[in-house]
């Protein structure tokens, strides 16, 4: 059966060019450069897109056109999108931290046995997920594997009043699942140029889903002194020195704990 299909799009572009040339003689007399010429759609026969070496040849239905229209202008759009790097910026990298505890840098015969654990942690900001394999040093203890998650609103890095909230939980292969919650309020002030003091109070609680166990809560006041050595000494990389002192005060079924920490941090970014 013979069918005639009239495609109005095939005649619109030449007609528009002729009409513009009649209305504007300067446009007709001025030759178009390669950049100014509009991209003309090219018809590609559908048979040219079929692989002759394929085992099965697709059957063409009567409703499918005999040719596909290829627009060369789409290639320029694709090159512009690739050169802009938008496809790379859309994929945010996920930070990964390696968990490695209990391994001494230098092991001797007289070194005391310590609990060891290895694993990794995904994420550092609002959400994080970690998995750990542990090997206790005590005799008769069983190796264990645990999975933990944490959802938090971190405290701000600016000066003045700061606050933060966090919740999370975990479960172990040979242990009981637990749920945790934490709230933080504090104040950060600059004592001297490049010297910052942070005073904060943390209320934390843990609920263990096990008979005979339950809720554990504690209050922890903390003082942190930070020195920005990069701005102080005009260093080309980010350098800071932090000193932290905290005292854990039990409220329900917890123990007293005092901890202190001094950390020198160096960060360098390659451009």
Protein backbone atom coordinates (compact mmCIF):
# COMPACT_ATOMS: atom_id res chain seq x y z
CA UNK A 1 0.00 0.00 0.00
CA UNK A 2 1.39 3.41 -0.98
CA UNK A 3 1.24 6.13 1.63
CA UNK A 4 2.22 9.80 1.26
CA UNK A 5 3.06 11.63 4.49
CA UNK A 6 3.46 15.38 4.29
CA UNK A 7 5.97 16.72 6.84
CA UNK A 8 5.48 20.45 7.32
CA UNK A 9 8.76 20.78 9.23
CA UNK A 10 10.82 20.05 6.10
CA UNK A 11 9.56 23.20 4.38
CA UNK A 12 9.50 25.64 7.27
CA UNK A 13 13.25 26.29 7.45
CA UNK A 14 13.89 27.12 3.73
CA UNK A 15 10.73 29.24 3.63
CA UNK A 16 11.85 31.20 6.69
CA UNK A 17 15.26 31.89 5.10
CA UNK A 18 13.72 33.10 1.83
CA UNK A 19 11.26 35.33 3.68
CA UNK A 20 14.05 36.90 5.74
CA UNK A 21 16.14 37.51 2.60
CA UNK A 22 13.24 39.30 0.87
CA UNK A 23 12.51 41.51 3.86
CA UNK A 24 16.19 42.39 4.50
CA UNK A 25 18.41 42.69 1.39
CA UNK A 26 21.53 43.14 3.55
CA UNK A 27 20.90 39.75 5.10
CA UNK A 28 20.62 38.16 1.67
CA UNK A 29 23.82 39.76 0.35
CA UNK A 30 25.94 38.97 3.41
CA UNK A 31 27.28 35.39 3.36
CA UNK A 32 26.86 33.36 6.51
CA UNK A 33 29.95 32.09 8.29
CA UNK A 34 30.32 28.54 9.57
CA UNK A 35 29.40 29.68 13.10
CA UNK A 36 26.34 31.69 11.97
CA UNK A 37 24.85 29.01 9.78
CA UNK A 38 22.01 27.17 11.50
CA UNK A 39 22.43 23.46 12.09
CA UNK A 40 20.35 21.61 9.53
CA UNK A 41 18.75 18.36 10.73
CA UNK A 42 20.14 15.40 8.84
CA UNK A 43 17.88 12.42 8.05
CA UNK A 44 19.57 9.10 8.83
CA UNK A 45 18.01 5.97 7.30
CA UNK A 46 16.87 3.55 9.94
CA UNK A 47 18.54 0.69 8.07
CA UNK A 48 21.96 2.34 8.59
CA UNK A 49 21.52 2.03 12.37
CA UNK A 50 21.02 -1.74 12.25
CA UNK A 51 24.03 -3.95 12.94
CA UNK A 52 24.41 -6.33 9.97
CA UNK A 53 26.33 -8.83 12.15
CA UNK A 54 23.52 -9.14 14.68
CA UNK A 55 21.86 -12.51 15.04
CA UNK A 56 18.35 -11.08 15.07
CA UNK A 57 17.22 -8.23 12.87
CA UNK A 58 14.56 -5.96 14.39
CA UNK A 59 11.31 -5.85 12.45
CA UNK A 60 10.14 -2.40 11.36
CA UNK A 61 6.47 -1.70 11.89
CA UNK A 62 4.34 0.34 9.54
CA UNK A 63 3.98 3.17 12.07
CA UNK A 64 7.74 3.76 12.39
CA UNK A 65 9.35 6.31 10.03
CA UNK A 66 11.89 5.17 7.46
CA UNK A 67 14.52 7.67 8.71
CA UNK A 68 15.52 9.33 11.95
CA UNK A 69 16.25 13.08 12.06
CA UNK A 70 19.64 13.95 13.63
CA UNK A 71 20.13 17.53 14.84
CA UNK A 72 23.85 18.54 14.80
CA UNK A 73 23.08 21.35 17.23
CA UNK A 74 22.59 18.80 20.01
CA UNK A 75 26.27 17.82 19.77
CA UNK A 76 27.32 21.41 20.59
CA UNK A 77 25.04 21.39 23.62
CA UNK A 78 26.59 18.12 24.81
CA UNK A 79 30.14 19.47 24.42
CA UNK A 80 29.23 22.63 26.35
CA UNK A 81 27.71 20.60 29.19
CA UNK A 82 30.77 18.31 29.36
CA UNK A 83 33.26 21.22 29.39
CA UNK A 84 31.38 23.00 32.18
CA UNK A 85 31.96 20.09 34.58
CA UNK A 86 28.37 20.17 35.87
CA UNK A 87 28.18 16.36 35.71
CA UNK A 88 31.15 16.13 38.09
CA UNK A 89 29.85 18.72 40.54
CA UNK A 90 26.51 16.92 40.77
CA UNK A 91 28.19 13.88 42.35
CA UNK A 92 29.24 14.91 45.85
CA UNK A 93 32.10 12.78 47.18
CA UNK A 94 31.36 10.74 50.33
CA UNK A 95 34.14 10.95 52.94
CA UNK A 96 35.45 7.61 54.18
CA UNK A 97 37.39 7.20 57.45
CA UNK A 98 39.34 4.10 58.39
CA UNK A 99 38.76 2.83 61.94
CA UNK A 100 41.91 1.28 63.45
CA UNK A 101 42.24 1.05 67.22
CA UNK A 102 44.46 -0.97 69.55
CA UNK A 103 47.39 -1.42 67.15
CA UNK A 104 50.65 -0.17 68.59
CA UNK A 105 53.20 1.43 66.31
CA UNK A 106 55.92 -0.74 67.83
CA UNK A 107 55.03 -4.11 69.33
CA UNK A 108 57.34 -5.74 71.90
CA UNK A 109 57.21 -8.88 74.01
CA UNK A 110 56.38 -6.87 77.12
CA UNK A 111 53.58 -4.86 75.51
CA UNK A 112 50.20 -5.34 77.15
CA UNK A 113 47.41 -6.91 75.17
CA UNK A 114 44.79 -4.40 74.07
CA UNK A 115 41.39 -4.57 72.46
CA UNK A 116 41.67 -4.22 68.71
CA UNK A 117 39.11 -3.08 66.20
CA UNK A 118 39.14 -2.28 62.50
CA UNK A 119 36.47 -0.94 60.16
CA UNK A 120 35.38 2.06 58.17
CA UNK A 121 33.00 5.00 58.52
CA UNK A 122 30.99 6.63 55.73
CA UNK A 123 30.11 10.31 56.14
CA UNK A 124 31.16 12.98 58.62
CA UNK A 125 28.41 15.58 58.63
CA UNK A 126 24.70 15.09 59.08
CA UNK A 127 24.59 11.33 58.54
CA UNK A 128 27.24 8.68 59.11
CA UNK A 129 27.34 4.89 58.98
CA UNK A 130 30.13 2.74 60.41
CA UNK A 131 30.92 -0.94 60.70
CA UNK A 132 33.58 -2.44 62.96
CA UNK A 133 35.19 -5.82 63.63
CA UNK A 134 36.60 -6.11 67.16
CA UNK A 135 38.95 -8.59 68.83
CA UNK A 136 38.90 -8.28 72.66
CA UNK A 137 42.14 -8.91 74.53
CA UNK A 138 40.52 -10.61 77.55
CA UNK A 139 40.65 -14.39 77.75
CA UNK A 140 37.44 -16.10 76.68
CA UNK A 141 36.00 -13.02 74.97
CA UNK A 142 34.42 -13.51 71.57
CA UNK A 143 35.21 -11.55 68.46
CA UNK A 144 32.36 -9.31 67.45
CA UNK A 145 31.03 -7.26 64.54
CA UNK A 146 28.84 -4.19 64.94
CA UNK A 147 27.02 -1.67 62.79
CA UNK A 148 26.31 1.91 63.93
CA UNK A 149 24.54 4.93 62.48
CA UNK A 150 24.29 8.57 63.51
CA UNK A 151 22.05 11.45 62.41
CA UNK A 152 23.12 14.85 63.72
CA UNK A 153 22.75 18.58 63.41
CA UNK A 154 26.37 19.65 64.06
CA UNK A 155 27.19 22.71 66.09
CA UNK A 156 28.02 25.80 64.04
CA UNK A 157 31.57 26.98 63.49
CA UNK A 158 30.85 30.67 64.09
CA UNK A 159 31.30 32.69 67.21
CA UNK A 160 28.61 33.22 69.83
CA UNK A 161 25.91 30.79 70.89
CA UNK A 162 26.19 27.27 69.47
CA UNK A 163 23.94 24.23 69.69
CA UNK A 164 23.66 20.74 68.27
CA UNK A 165 21.42 17.67 68.32
CA UNK A 166 22.19 14.04 67.49
CA UNK A 167 20.56 10.64 67.54
CA UNK A 168 21.80 7.24 66.54
CA UNK A 169 22.01 3.62 67.39
CA UNK A 170 23.79 0.38 66.80
CA UNK A 171 23.64 -3.36 66.95
CA UNK A 172 26.26 -6.05 67.33
CA UNK A 173 26.47 -9.68 66.33
CA UNK A 174 27.01 -10.75 69.95
CA UNK A 175 25.36 -7.88 71.78
CA UNK A 176 22.18 -5.96 72.42
CA UNK A 177 20.90 -3.13 70.23
CA UNK A 178 20.97 0.36 71.66
CA UNK A 179 19.63 3.82 70.94
CA UNK A 180 21.43 7.06 71.77
CA UNK A 181 20.46 10.73 71.97
CA UNK A 182 22.54 13.85 72.54
CA UNK A 183 21.99 17.60 72.93
CA UNK A 184 24.68 20.29 73.09
CA UNK A 185 24.65 23.98 73.98
CA UNK A 186 27.63 26.26 74.34
CA UNK A 187 29.32 29.56 73.64
CA UNK A 188 32.37 30.32 71.50
CA UNK A 189 34.38 33.50 71.91
CA UNK A 190 37.67 34.89 70.64
CA UNK A 191 39.96 35.74 73.56
CA UNK A 192 42.82 37.10 71.43
CA UNK A 193 43.41 37.20 67.68
CA UNK A 194 43.58 33.59 66.40
CA UNK A 195 42.82 32.20 69.91
CA UNK A 196 39.30 30.86 70.52
CA UNK A 197 37.70 29.46 73.68
CA UNK A 198 34.63 27.21 73.48
CA UNK A 199 32.57 26.33 76.56
CA UNK A 200 29.86 23.74 76.07
CA UNK A 201 27.58 21.41 77.99
CA UNK A 202 26.43 18.07 76.57
CA UNK A 203 23.50 15.99 77.77
CA UNK A 204 23.65 12.43 76.47
CA UNK A 205 21.67 9.28 77.02
CA UNK A 206 21.80 5.66 75.90
CA UNK A 207 19.07 3.05 76.10
CA UNK A 208 20.10 -0.61 75.85
CA UNK A 209 17.39 -3.03 74.79
CA UNK A 210 18.21 -5.86 77.21
CA UNK A 211 16.67 -7.34 80.38
CA UNK A 212 18.26 -5.83 83.46
CA UNK A 213 19.68 -2.92 81.50
CA UNK A 214 18.00 0.21 80.24
CA UNK A 215 18.65 3.93 80.37
CA UNK A 216 22.09 5.50 80.95
CA UNK A 217 22.42 9.28 81.05
CA UNK A 218 25.25 11.68 81.82
CA UNK A 219 26.13 15.38 81.66
CA UNK A 220 29.52 16.45 80.30
CA UNK A 221 30.87 20.01 80.64
CA UNK A 222 33.76 20.67 78.25
CA UNK A 223 36.31 23.43 77.62
CA UNK A 224 38.17 23.69 74.33
CA UNK A 225 41.01 26.09 73.45
CA UNK A 226 41.90 26.45 69.75
CA UNK A 227 44.81 28.28 68.14
CA UNK A 228 44.81 29.02 64.40
CA UNK A 229 48.50 28.63 63.62
CA UNK A 230 48.02 29.14 59.88
CA UNK A 231 46.93 32.78 60.31
CA UNK A 232 49.25 33.36 63.25
CA UNK A 233 52.40 32.23 61.41
CA UNK A 234 51.19 32.89 57.83
CA UNK A 235 51.52 29.24 56.78
CA UNK A 236 50.44 28.01 53.31
CA UNK A 237 48.27 25.24 54.79
CA UNK A 238 45.54 25.01 57.42
CA UNK A 239 47.12 24.40 60.81
CA UNK A 240 45.41 24.43 64.21
CA UNK A 241 46.21 23.28 67.73
CA UNK A 242 43.35 22.23 70.03
CA UNK A 243 43.38 21.46 73.75
CA UNK A 244 40.23 19.91 75.25
CA UNK A 245 39.32 19.07 78.86
CA UNK A 246 36.02 17.39 79.78
CA UNK A 247 34.44 15.87 82.89
CA UNK A 248 31.61 13.36 82.58
CA UNK A 249 29.10 13.52 85.46
CA UNK A 250 26.69 10.55 85.72
CA UNK A 251 22.97 11.09 86.12
CA UNK A 252 21.44 7.62 85.67
CA UNK A 253 23.47 4.38 85.72
CA UNK A 254 26.72 5.97 84.48
CA UNK A 255 30.27 6.46 85.76
CA UNK A 256 32.48 9.48 86.32
CA UNK A 257 35.01 10.06 83.60
CA UNK A 258 37.65 12.74 83.01
CA UNK A 259 39.33 13.09 79.65
CA UNK A 260 41.78 15.48 78.07
CA UNK A 261 43.09 15.77 74.54
CA UNK A 262 45.68 17.80 72.65
CA UNK A 263 45.64 17.64 68.84
CA UNK A 264 47.72 19.30 66.13
CA UNK A 265 45.87 19.37 62.80
CA UNK A 266 47.49 19.98 59.41
CA UNK A 267 45.43 20.29 56.22
CA UNK A 268 46.74 21.02 52.74
CA UNK A 269 44.56 21.22 49.63
CA UNK A 270 45.91 20.55 46.17
CA UNK A 271 44.43 22.78 43.49
